[in-house]
Amino acid sequence: MPLDPATFLLHTEPAAKTTVRTRAADGTEHEIAALLIAQTRDQKLFITLETPRRYLTHTRLPDGEDEDEIEIDFVQDYAEIEALLEDAGLDGLHAGERGVLYPNLLYLLMNP
């Protein structure tokens, strides 16, 4: 039995989730929940919970610029996703700053 996304998100750490606001061609705006699945020092990889699922990166801008400023992109090239997962350490544990969040990946596998 799939787990309700609202229930799962209720118990998910705030740093491991985000809300993406998108605008459709007709001008309507949508809010989409996304889960953090991998993180390196400079990037976070999220996946949206609504279908079709989309990958989203938050990239911290290089030193010398505003540290709080991030660039947000939807990723369409799977090679970029694989590289980020590899950089995050597929065989490592999430340690607050780097790694893969296996509980979130497991949730996504169990709730297609």
PDB file of N, CA and C in Angstrom:
ATOM      1  N   MET A   1       0.838  -1.180   0.000  1.00  0.00           N
ATOM      2  CA  MET A   1       0.000   0.000   0.000  1.00  0.00           C
ATOM      3  C   MET A   1       0.887   1.249   0.000  1.00  0.00           C
ATOM      4  N   PRO A   2       0.690   2.131  -0.969  1.00  0.00           N
ATOM      5  CA  PRO A   2       1.499   3.346  -1.031  1.00  0.00           C
ATOM      6  C   PRO A   2       1.241   4.261   0.169  1.00  0.00           C
ATOM      7  N   LEU A   3       2.265   4.978   0.545  1.00  0.00           N
ATOM      8  CA  LEU A   3       2.156   5.937   1.643  1.00  0.00           C
ATOM      9  C   LEU A   3       1.701   7.278   1.086  1.00  0.00           C
ATOM     10  N   ASP A   4       0.755   7.884   1.736  1.00  0.00           N
ATOM     11  CA  ASP A   4       0.237   9.179   1.321  1.00  0.00           C
ATOM     12  C   ASP A   4       1.359  10.221   1.328  1.00  0.00           C
ATOM     13  N   PRO A   5       1.555  10.950   0.216  1.00  0.00           N
ATOM     14  CA  PRO A   5       2.644  11.950   0.166  1.00  0.00           C
ATOM     15  C   PRO A   5       2.552  12.995   1.277  1.00  0.00           C
ATOM     16  N   ALA A   6       1.341  13.444   1.614  1.00  0.00           N
ATOM     17  CA  ALA A   6       1.195  14.462   2.662  1.00  0.00           C
ATOM     18  C   ALA A   6       1.682  13.933   4.004  1.00  0.00           C
ATOM     19  N   THR A   7       1.396  12.661   4.304  1.00  0.00           N
ATOM     20  CA  THR A   7       1.845  12.053   5.552  1.00  0.00           C
ATOM     21  C   THR A   7       3.363  11.920   5.565  1.00  0.00           C
ATOM     22  N   PHE A   8       3.927  11.462   4.440  1.00  0.00           N
ATOM     23  CA  PHE A   8       5.381  11.315   4.361  1.00  0.00           C
ATOM     24  C   PHE A   8       6.064  12.669   4.537  1.00  0.00           C
ATOM     25  N   LEU A   9       5.564  13.685   3.850  1.00  0.00           N
ATOM     26  CA  LEU A   9       6.174  15.012   3.936  1.00  0.00           C
ATOM     27  C   LEU A   9       6.036  15.617   5.327  1.00  0.00           C
ATOM     28  N   LEU A  10       4.984  15.270   6.033  1.00  0.00           N
ATOM     29  CA  LEU A  10       4.792  15.762   7.393  1.00  0.00           C
ATOM     30  C   LEU A  10       5.934  15.319   8.304  1.00  0.00           C
ATOM     31  N   HIS A  11       6.462  14.122   8.057  1.00  0.00           N
ATOM     32  CA  HIS A  11       7.530  13.570   8.889  1.00  0.00           C
ATOM     33  C   HIS A  11       8.919  13.711   8.263  1.00  0.00           C
ATOM     34  N   THR A  12       9.021  14.447   7.174  1.00  0.00           N
ATOM     35  CA  THR A  12      10.300  14.643   6.488  1.00  0.00           C
ATOM     36  C   THR A  12      10.981  15.901   7.017  1.00  0.00           C
ATOM     37  N   GLU A  13      12.287  15.800   7.225  1.00  0.00           N
ATOM     38  CA  GLU A  13      13.058  16.964   7.697  1.00  0.00           C
ATOM     39  C   GLU A  13      12.851  18.144   6.745  1.00  0.00           C
ATOM     40  N   PRO A  14      12.695  19.359   7.257  1.00  0.00           N
ATOM     41  CA  PRO A  14      12.489  20.525   6.388  1.00  0.00           C
ATOM     42  C   PRO A  14      13.597  20.708   5.343  1.00  0.00           C
ATOM     43  N   ALA A  15      14.837  20.379   5.697  1.00  0.00           N
ATOM     44  CA  ALA A  15      15.946  20.545   4.754  1.00  0.00           C
ATOM     45  C   ALA A  15      15.896  19.531   3.613  1.00  0.00           C
ATOM     46  N   ALA A  16      15.080  18.488   3.753  1.00  0.00           N
ATOM     47  CA  ALA A  16      15.019  17.433   2.730  1.00  0.00           C
ATOM     48  C   ALA A  16      13.816  17.575   1.811  1.00  0.00           C
ATOM     49  N   LYS A  17      13.148  18.719   1.873  1.00  0.00           N
ATOM     50  CA  LYS A  17      12.012  18.924   0.983  1.00  0.00           C
ATOM     51  C   LYS A  17      11.969  20.383   0.547  1.00  0.00           C
ATOM     52  N   THR A  18      11.302  20.606  -0.552  1.00  0.00           N
ATOM     53  CA  THR A  18      11.133  21.964  -1.050  1.00  0.00           C
ATOM     54  C   THR A  18       9.830  22.036  -1.831  1.00  0.00           C
ATOM     55  N   THR A  19       9.409  23.233  -2.103  1.00  0.00           N
ATOM     56  CA  THR A  19       8.243  23.453  -2.943  1.00  0.00           C
ATOM     57  C   THR A  19       8.688  24.237  -4.159  1.00  0.00           C
ATOM     58  N   VAL A  20       8.327  23.728  -5.327  1.00  0.00           N
ATOM     59  CA  VAL A  20       8.695  24.366  -6.587  1.00  0.00           C
ATOM     60  C   VAL A  20       7.454  25.047  -7.138  1.00  0.00           C
ATOM     61  N   ARG A  21       7.609  26.295  -7.509  1.00  0.00           N
ATOM     62  CA  ARG A  21       6.494  27.016  -8.123  1.00  0.00           C
ATOM     63  C   ARG A  21       6.762  27.104  -9.621  1.00  0.00           C
ATOM     64  N   THR A  22       5.805  26.603 -10.410  1.00  0.00           N
ATOM     65  CA  THR A  22       5.953  26.638 -11.862  1.00  0.00           C
ATOM     66  C   THR A  22       4.776  27.399 -12.470  1.00  0.00           C
ATOM     67  N   ARG A  23       4.988  27.869 -13.690  1.00  0.00           N
ATOM     68  CA  ARG A  23       3.937  28.589 -14.396  1.00  0.00           C
ATOM     69  C   ARG A  23       3.696  27.898 -15.731  1.00  0.00           C
ATOM     70  N   ALA A  24       2.449  27.527 -15.979  1.00  0.00           N
ATOM     71  CA  ALA A  24       2.072  26.861 -17.227  1.00  0.00           C
ATOM     72  C   ALA A  24       1.977  27.885 -18.353  1.00  0.00           C
ATOM     73  N   ALA A  25       1.882  27.381 -19.572  1.00  0.00           N
ATOM     74  CA  ALA A  25       1.798  28.256 -20.737  1.00  0.00           C
ATOM     75  C   ALA A  25       0.586  29.176 -20.675  1.00  0.00           C
ATOM     76  N   ASP A  26      -0.498  28.712 -20.036  1.00  0.00           N
ATOM     77  CA  ASP A  26      -1.702  29.542 -19.931  1.00  0.00           C
ATOM     78  C   ASP A  26      -1.638  30.556 -18.788  1.00  0.00           C
ATOM     79  N   GLY A  27      -0.510  30.571 -18.075  1.00  0.00           N
ATOM     80  CA  GLY A  27      -0.307  31.549 -17.003  1.00  0.00           C
ATOM     81  C   GLY A  27      -0.668  31.069 -15.613  1.00  0.00           C
ATOM     82  N   THR A  28      -1.281  29.897 -15.494  1.00  0.00           N
ATOM     83  CA  THR A  28      -1.627  29.389 -14.167  1.00  0.00           C
ATOM     84  C   THR A  28      -0.366  28.924 -13.441  1.00  0.00           C
ATOM     85  N   GLU A  29      -0.350  29.183 -12.145  1.00  0.00           N
ATOM     86  CA  GLU A  29       0.796  28.790 -11.340  1.00  0.00           C
ATOM     87  C   GLU A  29       0.467  27.530 -10.551  1.00  0.00           C
ATOM     88  N   HIS A  30       1.492  26.681 -10.368  1.00  0.00           N
ATOM     89  CA  HIS A  30       1.339  25.437  -9.634  1.00  0.00           C
ATOM     90  C   HIS A  30       2.448  25.342  -8.595  1.00  0.00           C
ATOM     91  N   GLU A  31       2.128  24.740  -7.453  1.00  0.00           N
ATOM     92  CA  GLU A  31       3.131  24.433  -6.439  1.00  0.00           C
ATOM     93  C   GLU A  31       3.310  22.931  -6.431  1.00  0.00           C
ATOM     94  N   ILE A  32       4.560  22.490  -6.548  1.00  0.00           N
ATOM     95  CA  ILE A  32       4.876  21.067  -6.619  1.00  0.00           C
ATOM     96  C   ILE A  32       5.845  20.727  -5.493  1.00  0.00           C
ATOM     97  N   ALA A  33       5.514  19.708  -4.711  1.00  0.00           N
ATOM     98  CA  ALA A  33       6.409  19.250  -3.648  1.00  0.00           C
ATOM     99  C   ALA A  33       7.548  18.448  -4.274  1.00  0.00           C
ATOM    100  N   ALA A  34       8.746  18.601  -3.701  1.00  0.00           N
ATOM    101  CA  ALA A  34       9.919  17.866  -4.189  1.00  0.00           C
ATOM    102  C   ALA A  34      10.733  17.377  -3.001  1.00  0.00           C
ATOM    103  N   LEU A  35      11.368  16.210  -3.182  1.00  0.00           N
ATOM    104  CA  LEU A  35      12.194  15.596  -2.140  1.00  0.00           C
ATOM    105  C   LEU A  35      13.656  15.653  -2.523  1.00  0.00           C
ATOM    106  N   LEU A  36      14.502  15.932  -1.547  1.00  0.00           N
ATOM    107  CA  LEU A  36      15.947  15.892  -1.736  1.00  0.00           C
ATOM    108  C   LEU A  36      16.385  14.441  -1.819  1.00  0.00           C
ATOM    109  N   ILE A  37      17.144  14.096  -2.866  1.00  0.00           N
ATOM    110  CA  ILE A  37      17.633  12.716  -2.966  1.00  0.00           C
ATOM    111  C   ILE A  37      19.160  12.628  -2.930  1.00  0.00           C
ATOM    112  N   ALA A  38      19.852  13.722  -3.225  1.00  0.00           N
ATOM    113  CA  ALA A  38      21.310  13.700  -3.160  1.00  0.00           C
ATOM    114  C   ALA A  38      21.826  15.119  -2.950  1.00  0.00           C
ATOM    115  N   GLN A  39      23.002  15.192  -2.313  1.00  0.00           N
ATOM    116  CA  GLN A  39      23.552  16.510  -2.002  1.00  0.00           C
ATOM    117  C   GLN A  39      25.073  16.458  -2.008  1.00  0.00           C
ATOM    118  N   THR A  40      25.669  17.426  -2.697  1.00  0.00           N
ATOM    119  CA  THR A  40      27.115  17.629  -2.633  1.00  0.00           C
ATOM    120  C   THR A  40      27.340  18.958  -1.929  1.00  0.00           C
ATOM    121  N   ARG A  41      28.585  19.390  -1.868  1.00  0.00           N
ATOM    122  CA  ARG A  41      28.880  20.649  -1.188  1.00  0.00           C
ATOM    123  C   ARG A  41      28.184  21.831  -1.865  1.00  0.00           C
ATOM    124  N   ASP A  42      28.083  21.785  -3.199  1.00  0.00           N
ATOM    125  CA  ASP A  42      27.548  22.930  -3.930  1.00  0.00           C
ATOM    126  C   ASP A  42      26.178  22.710  -4.571  1.00  0.00           C
ATOM    127  N   GLN A  43      25.715  21.465  -4.601  1.00  0.00           N
ATOM    128  CA  GLN A  43      24.466  21.186  -5.292  1.00  0.00           C
ATOM    129  C   GLN A  43      23.560  20.270  -4.495  1.00  0.00           C
ATOM    130  N   LYS A  44      22.258  20.457  -4.692  1.00  0.00           N
ATOM    131  CA  LYS A  44      21.249  19.548  -4.150  1.00  0.00           C
ATOM    132  C   LYS A  44      20.422  19.053  -5.335  1.00  0.00           C
ATOM    133  N   LEU A  45      20.117  17.750  -5.321  1.00  0.00           N
ATOM    134  CA  LEU A  45      19.290  17.156  -6.359  1.00  0.00           C
ATOM    135  C   LEU A  45      17.953  16.753  -5.753  1.00  0.00           C
ATOM    136  N   PHE A  46      16.884  17.351  -6.259  1.00  0.00           N
ATOM    137  CA  PHE A  46      15.532  17.061  -5.808  1.00  0.00           C
ATOM    138  C   PHE A  46      14.782  16.338  -6.918  1.00  0.00           C
ATOM    139  N   ILE A  47      13.709  15.633  -6.554  1.00  0.00           N
ATOM    140  CA  ILE A  47      12.804  15.049  -7.530  1.00  0.00           C
ATOM    141  C   ILE A  47      11.388  15.426  -7.114  1.00  0.00           C
ATOM    142  N   THR A  48      10.595  15.847  -8.094  1.00  0.00           N
ATOM    143  CA  THR A  48       9.227  16.254  -7.789  1.00  0.00           C
ATOM    144  C   THR A  48       8.368  15.029  -7.492  1.00  0.00           C
ATOM    145  N   LEU A  49       7.350  15.208  -6.677  1.00  0.00           N
ATOM    146  CA  LEU A  49       6.489  14.099  -6.291  1.00  0.00           C
ATOM    147  C   LEU A  49       5.325  13.888  -7.253  1.00  0.00           C
ATOM    148  N   GLU A  50       4.954  14.914  -7.982  1.00  0.00           N
ATOM    149  CA  GLU A  50       3.861  14.776  -8.937  1.00  0.00           C
ATOM    150  C   GLU A  50       4.367  14.166 -10.234  1.00  0.00           C
ATOM    151  N   THR A  51       3.481  13.451 -10.906  1.00  0.00           N
ATOM    152  CA  THR A  51       3.861  12.878 -12.201  1.00  0.00           C
ATOM    153  C   THR A  51       3.576  13.890 -13.306  1.00  0.00           C
ATOM    154  N   PRO A  52       4.383  13.959 -14.325  1.00  0.00           N
ATOM    155  CA  PRO A  52       5.620  13.184 -14.444  1.00  0.00           C
ATOM    156  C   PRO A  52       6.682  13.747 -13.507  1.00  0.00           C
ATOM    157  N   ARG A  53       7.439  12.861 -12.897  1.00  0.00           N
ATOM    158  CA  ARG A  53       8.487  13.297 -11.964  1.00  0.00           C
ATOM    159  C   ARG A  53       9.595  13.987 -12.744  1.00  0.00           C
ATOM    160  N   ARG A  54      10.099  15.067 -12.149  1.00  0.00           N
ATOM    161  CA  ARG A  54      11.169  15.835 -12.793  1.00  0.00           C
ATOM    162  C   ARG A  54      12.287  16.045 -11.792  1.00  0.00           C
ATOM    163  N   TYR A  55      13.500  16.075 -12.300  1.00  0.00           N
ATOM    164  CA  TYR A  55      14.669  16.336 -11.465  1.00  0.00           C
ATOM    165  C   TYR A  55      14.947  17.832 -11.450  1.00  0.00           C
ATOM    166  N   LEU A  56      15.364  18.292 -10.296  1.00  0.00           N
ATOM    167  CA  LEU A  56      15.591  19.716 -10.078  1.00  0.00           C
ATOM    168  C   LEU A  56      16.885  19.880  -9.291  1.00  0.00           C
ATOM    169  N   THR A  57      17.729  20.794  -9.718  1.00  0.00           N
ATOM    170  CA  THR A  57      18.946  21.054  -8.951  1.00  0.00           C
ATOM    171  C   THR A  57      18.906  22.451  -8.354  1.00  0.00           C
ATOM    172  N   HIS A  58      19.436  22.538  -7.142  1.00  0.00           N
ATOM    173  CA  HIS A  58      19.720  23.816  -6.490  1.00  0.00           C
ATOM    174  C   HIS A  58      21.236  23.909  -6.473  1.00  0.00           C
ATOM    175  N   THR A  59      21.793  24.897  -7.123  1.00  0.00           N
ATOM    176  CA  THR A  59      23.243  25.058  -7.181  1.00  0.00           C
ATOM    177  C   THR A  59      23.636  26.340  -6.480  1.00  0.00           C
ATOM    178  N   ARG A  60      24.517  26.213  -5.491  1.00  0.00           N
ATOM    179  CA  ARG A  60      25.037  27.389  -4.799  1.00  0.00           C
ATOM    180  C   ARG A  60      26.059  28.054  -5.714  1.00  0.00           C
ATOM    181  N   LEU A  61      25.963  29.366  -5.866  1.00  0.00           N
ATOM    182  CA  LEU A  61      26.882  30.077  -6.753  1.00  0.00           C
ATOM    183  C   LEU A  61      28.294  30.069  -6.184  1.00  0.00           C
ATOM    184  N   PRO A  62      29.292  30.156  -7.055  1.00  0.00           N
ATOM    185  CA  PRO A  62      30.692  30.080  -6.609  1.00  0.00           C
ATOM    186  C   PRO A  62      31.046  31.158  -5.578  1.00  0.00           C
ATOM    187  N   ASP A  63      32.126  30.879  -4.817  1.00  0.00           N
ATOM    188  CA  ASP A  63      32.604  31.846  -3.814  1.00  0.00           C
ATOM    189  C   ASP A  63      32.812  33.213  -4.460  1.00  0.00           C
ATOM    190  N   GLY A  64      32.666  34.227  -3.658  1.00  0.00           N
ATOM    191  CA  GLY A  64      32.837  35.575  -4.158  1.00  0.00           C
ATOM    192  C   GLY A  64      31.496  36.219  -4.462  1.00  0.00           C
ATOM    193  N   GLU A  65      30.479  35.382  -4.679  1.00  0.00           N
ATOM    194  CA  GLU A  65      29.137  35.901  -4.887  1.00  0.00           C
ATOM    195  C   GLU A  65      28.334  35.662  -3.615  1.00  0.00           C
ATOM    196  N   ASP A  66      27.131  36.149  -3.575  1.00  0.00           N
ATOM    197  CA  ASP A  66      26.262  35.992  -2.416  1.00  0.00           C
ATOM    198  C   ASP A  66      26.086  34.508  -2.098  1.00  0.00           C
ATOM    199  N   GLU A  67      26.501  34.076  -0.896  1.00  0.00           N
ATOM    200  CA  GLU A  67      26.426  32.659  -0.512  1.00  0.00           C
ATOM    201  C   GLU A  67      25.004  32.136  -0.458  1.00  0.00           C
ATOM    202  N   ASP A  68      24.050  33.009  -0.169  1.00  0.00           N
ATOM    203  CA  ASP A  68      22.662  32.570  -0.056  1.00  0.00           C
ATOM    204  C   ASP A  68      21.977  32.461  -1.416  1.00  0.00           C
ATOM    205  N   GLU A  69      22.639  32.943  -2.464  1.00  0.00           N
ATOM    206  CA  GLU A  69      22.037  32.920  -3.793  1.00  0.00           C
ATOM    207  C   GLU A  69      22.215  31.551  -4.432  1.00  0.00           C
ATOM    208  N   ILE A  70      21.111  31.008  -4.930  1.00  0.00           N
ATOM    209  CA  ILE A  70      21.169  29.710  -5.586  1.00  0.00           C
ATOM    210  C   ILE A  70      20.557  29.803  -6.970  1.00  0.00           C
ATOM    211  N   GLU A  71      20.984  28.898  -7.826  1.00  0.00           N
ATOM    212  CA  GLU A  71      20.423  28.787  -9.168  1.00  0.00           C
ATOM    213  C   GLU A  71      19.582  27.515  -9.191  1.00  0.00           C
ATOM    214  N   ILE A  72      18.363  27.586  -9.692  1.00  0.00           N
ATOM    215  CA  ILE A  72      17.455  26.442  -9.718  1.00  0.00           C
ATOM    216  C   ILE A  72      17.188  26.068 -11.174  1.00  0.00           C
ATOM    217  N   ASP A  73      17.401  24.792 -11.499  1.00  0.00           N
ATOM    218  CA  ASP A  73      17.199  24.312 -12.871  1.00  0.00           C
ATOM    219  C   ASP A  73      16.513  22.963 -12.873  1.00  0.00           C
ATOM    220  N   PHE A  74      15.623  22.748 -13.835  1.00  0.00           N
ATOM    221  CA  PHE A  74      15.115  21.411 -14.093  1.00  0.00           C
ATOM    222  C   PHE A  74      16.145  20.716 -14.973  1.00  0.00           C
ATOM    223  N   VAL A  75      16.506  19.486 -14.620  1.00  0.00           N
ATOM    224  CA  VAL A  75      17.536  18.741 -15.339  1.00  0.00           C
ATOM    225  C   VAL A  75      16.861  17.774 -16.302  1.00  0.00           C
ATOM    226  N   GLN A  76      17.296  17.803 -17.549  1.00  0.00           N
ATOM    227  CA  GLN A  76      16.717  16.907 -18.539  1.00  0.00           C
ATOM    228  C   GLN A  76      17.720  15.890 -19.039  1.00  0.00           C
ATOM    229  N   ASP A  77      18.998  16.117 -18.788  1.00  0.00           N
ATOM    230  CA  ASP A  77      20.043  15.201 -19.237  1.00  0.00           C
ATOM    231  C   ASP A  77      20.359  14.220 -18.106  1.00  0.00           C
ATOM    232  N   TYR A  78      20.011  12.947 -18.316  1.00  0.00           N
ATOM    233  CA  TYR A  78      20.192  11.971 -17.247  1.00  0.00           C
ATOM    234  C   TYR A  78      21.664  11.785 -16.865  1.00  0.00           C
ATOM    235  N   ALA A  79      22.588  12.046 -17.796  1.00  0.00           N
ATOM    236  CA  ALA A  79      24.020  11.935 -17.479  1.00  0.00           C
ATOM    237  C   ALA A  79      24.397  12.922 -16.370  1.00  0.00           C
ATOM    238  N   GLU A  80      23.780  14.084 -16.375  1.00  0.00           N
ATOM    239  CA  GLU A  80      24.034  15.079 -15.322  1.00  0.00           C
ATOM    240  C   GLU A  80      23.512  14.584 -13.974  1.00  0.00           C
ATOM    241  N   ILE A  81      22.361  13.912 -13.988  1.00  0.00           N
ATOM    242  CA  ILE A  81      21.783  13.349 -12.773  1.00  0.00           C
ATOM    243  C   ILE A  81      22.689  12.251 -12.227  1.00  0.00           C
ATOM    244  N   GLU A  82      23.152  11.353 -13.106  1.00  0.00           N
ATOM    245  CA  GLU A  82      24.058  10.274 -12.691  1.00  0.00           C
ATOM    246  C   GLU A  82      25.339  10.835 -12.089  1.00  0.00           C
ATOM    247  N   ALA A  83      25.887  11.878 -12.705  1.00  0.00           N
ATOM    248  CA  ALA A  83      27.128  12.482 -12.209  1.00  0.00           C
ATOM    249  C   ALA A  83      26.926  13.074 -10.818  1.00  0.00           C
ATOM    250  N   LEU A  84      25.806  13.717 -10.602  1.00  0.00           N
ATOM    251  CA  LEU A  84      25.538  14.311  -9.292  1.00  0.00           C
ATOM    252  C   LEU A  84      25.358  13.226  -8.237  1.00  0.00           C
ATOM    253  N   LEU A  85      24.644  12.144  -8.583  1.00  0.00           N
ATOM    254  CA  LEU A  85      24.481  11.031  -7.649  1.00  0.00           C
ATOM    255  C   LEU A  85      25.834  10.399  -7.335  1.00  0.00           C
ATOM    256  N   GLU A  86      26.671  10.254  -8.353  1.00  0.00           N
ATOM    257  CA  GLU A  86      27.997   9.674  -8.127  1.00  0.00           C
ATOM    258  C   GLU A  86      28.827  10.577  -7.223  1.00  0.00           C
ATOM    259  N   ASP A  87      28.781  11.884  -7.482  1.00  0.00           N
ATOM    260  CA  ASP A  87      29.516  12.838  -6.641  1.00  0.00           C
ATOM    261  C   ASP A  87      29.022  12.797  -5.203  1.00  0.00           C
ATOM    262  N   ALA A  88      27.730  12.596  -5.020  1.00  0.00           N
ATOM    263  CA  ALA A  88      27.163  12.555  -3.674  1.00  0.00           C
ATOM    264  C   ALA A  88      27.573  11.283  -2.941  1.00  0.00           C
ATOM    265  N   GLY A  89      28.029  10.290  -3.675  1.00  0.00           N
ATOM    266  CA  GLY A  89      28.521   9.073  -3.038  1.00  0.00           C
ATOM    267  C   GLY A  89      27.448   8.024  -2.899  1.00  0.00           C
ATOM    268  N   LEU A  90      27.227   7.253  -3.943  1.00  0.00           N
ATOM    269  CA  LEU A  90      26.170   6.253  -3.912  1.00  0.00           C
ATOM    270  C   LEU A  90      26.342   5.244  -2.786  1.00  0.00           C
ATOM    271  N   ASP A  91      27.585   5.004  -2.360  1.00  0.00           N
ATOM    272  CA  ASP A  91      27.782   4.022  -1.297  1.00  0.00           C
ATOM    273  C   ASP A  91      27.960   4.673   0.065  1.00  0.00           C
ATOM    274  N   GLY A  92      27.715   5.962   0.152  1.00  0.00           N
ATOM    275  CA  GLY A  92      27.865   6.661   1.426  1.00  0.00           C
ATOM    276  C   GLY A  92      26.527   6.963   2.058  1.00  0.00           C
ATOM    277  N   LEU A  93      26.553   7.480   3.248  1.00  0.00           N
ATOM    278  CA  LEU A  93      25.338   7.872   3.946  1.00  0.00           C
ATOM    279  C   LEU A  93      25.237   9.388   3.924  1.00  0.00           C
ATOM    280  N   HIS A  94      24.026   9.895   3.992  1.00  0.00           N
ATOM    281  CA  HIS A  94      23.851  11.341   4.053  1.00  0.00           C
ATOM    282  C   HIS A  94      24.345  11.818   5.410  1.00  0.00           C
ATOM    283  N   ALA A  95      25.263  12.761   5.390  1.00  0.00           N
ATOM    284  CA  ALA A  95      25.865  13.226   6.633  1.00  0.00           C
ATOM    285  C   ALA A  95      25.561  14.694   6.880  1.00  0.00           C
ATOM    286  N   GLY A  96      24.395  15.141   6.494  1.00  0.00           N
ATOM    287  CA  GLY A  96      24.034  16.528   6.740  1.00  0.00           C
ATOM    288  C   GLY A  96      24.496  17.464   5.658  1.00  0.00           C
ATOM    289  N   GLU A  97      25.641  17.184   5.062  1.00  0.00           N
ATOM    290  CA  GLU A  97      26.170  18.088   4.049  1.00  0.00           C
ATOM    291  C   GLU A  97      26.340  17.407   2.707  1.00  0.00           C
ATOM    292  N   ARG A  98      26.620  16.123   2.712  1.00  0.00           N
ATOM    293  CA  ARG A  98      26.855  15.395   1.470  1.00  0.00           C
ATOM    294  C   ARG A  98      26.230  14.027   1.550  1.00  0.00           C
ATOM    295  N   GLY A  99      25.921  13.467   0.421  1.00  0.00           N
ATOM    296  CA  GLY A  99      25.457  12.094   0.389  1.00  0.00           C
ATOM    297  C   GLY A  99      24.144  11.902  -0.322  1.00  0.00           C
ATOM    298  N   VAL A 100      23.633  10.688  -0.224  1.00  0.00           N
ATOM    299  CA  VAL A 100      22.375  10.290  -0.841  1.00  0.00           C
ATOM    300  C   VAL A 100      21.381  10.010   0.272  1.00  0.00           C
ATOM    301  N   LEU A 101      20.174  10.492   0.127  1.00  0.00           N
ATOM    302  CA  LEU A 101      19.139  10.256   1.141  1.00  0.00           C
ATOM    303  C   LEU A 101      18.358   9.004   0.767  1.00  0.00           C
ATOM    304  N   TYR A 102      18.814   7.875   1.254  1.00  0.00           N
ATOM    305  CA  TYR A 102      18.208   6.599   0.905  1.00  0.00           C
ATOM    306  C   TYR A 102      16.750   6.474   1.327  1.00  0.00           C
ATOM    307  N   PRO A 103      16.312   7.008   2.488  1.00  0.00           N
ATOM    308  CA  PRO A 103      14.897   6.903   2.840  1.00  0.00           C
ATOM    309  C   PRO A 103      13.998   7.571   1.794  1.00  0.00           C
ATOM    310  N   ASN A 104      14.446   8.698   1.241  1.00  0.00           N
ATOM    311  CA  ASN A 104      13.650   9.379   0.222  1.00  0.00           C
ATOM    312  C   ASN A 104      13.623   8.582  -1.076  1.00  0.00           C
ATOM    313  N   LEU A 105      14.747   7.965  -1.440  1.00  0.00           N
ATOM    314  CA  LEU A 105      14.768   7.123  -2.633  1.00  0.00           C
ATOM    315  C   LEU A 105      13.853   5.918  -2.451  1.00  0.00           C
ATOM    316  N   LEU A 106      13.877   5.332  -1.274  1.00  0.00           N
ATOM    317  CA  LEU A 106      13.014   4.183  -0.997  1.00  0.00           C
ATOM    318  C   LEU A 106      11.543   4.580  -1.090  1.00  0.00           C
ATOM    319  N   TYR A 107      11.207   5.726  -0.540  1.00  0.00           N
ATOM    320  CA  TYR A 107       9.828   6.222  -0.642  1.00  0.00           C
ATOM    321  C   TYR A 107       9.415   6.357  -2.109  1.00  0.00           C
ATOM    322  N   LEU A 108      10.296   6.928  -2.938  1.00  0.00           N
ATOM    323  CA  LEU A 108       9.971   7.120  -4.350  1.00  0.00           C
ATOM    324  C   LEU A 108       9.811   5.789  -5.072  1.00  0.00           C
ATOM    325  N   LEU A 109      10.632   4.802  -4.721  1.00  0.00           N
ATOM    326  CA  LEU A 109      10.509   3.480  -5.338  1.00  0.00           C
ATOM    327  C   LEU A 109       9.204   2.800  -4.956  1.00  0.00           C
ATOM    328  N   MET A 110       8.767   3.000  -3.719  1.00  0.00           N
ATOM    329  CA  MET A 110       7.557   2.340  -3.237  1.00  0.00           C
ATOM    330  C   MET A 110       6.285   3.088  -3.640  1.00  0.00           C
ATOM    331  N   ASN A 111       6.432   4.302  -4.102  1.00  0.00           N
ATOM    332  CA  ASN A 111       5.277   5.124  -4.482  1.00  0.00           C
ATOM    333  C   ASN A 111       5.470   5.691  -5.882  1.00  0.00           C
ATOM    334  N   PRO A 112       5.399   4.822  -6.899  1.00  0.00           N
ATOM    335  CA  PRO A 112       5.664   5.291  -8.275  1.00  0.00           C
ATOM    336  C   PRO A 112       4.627   6.281  -8.783  1.00  0.00           C
TER     337      PRO A 112
END
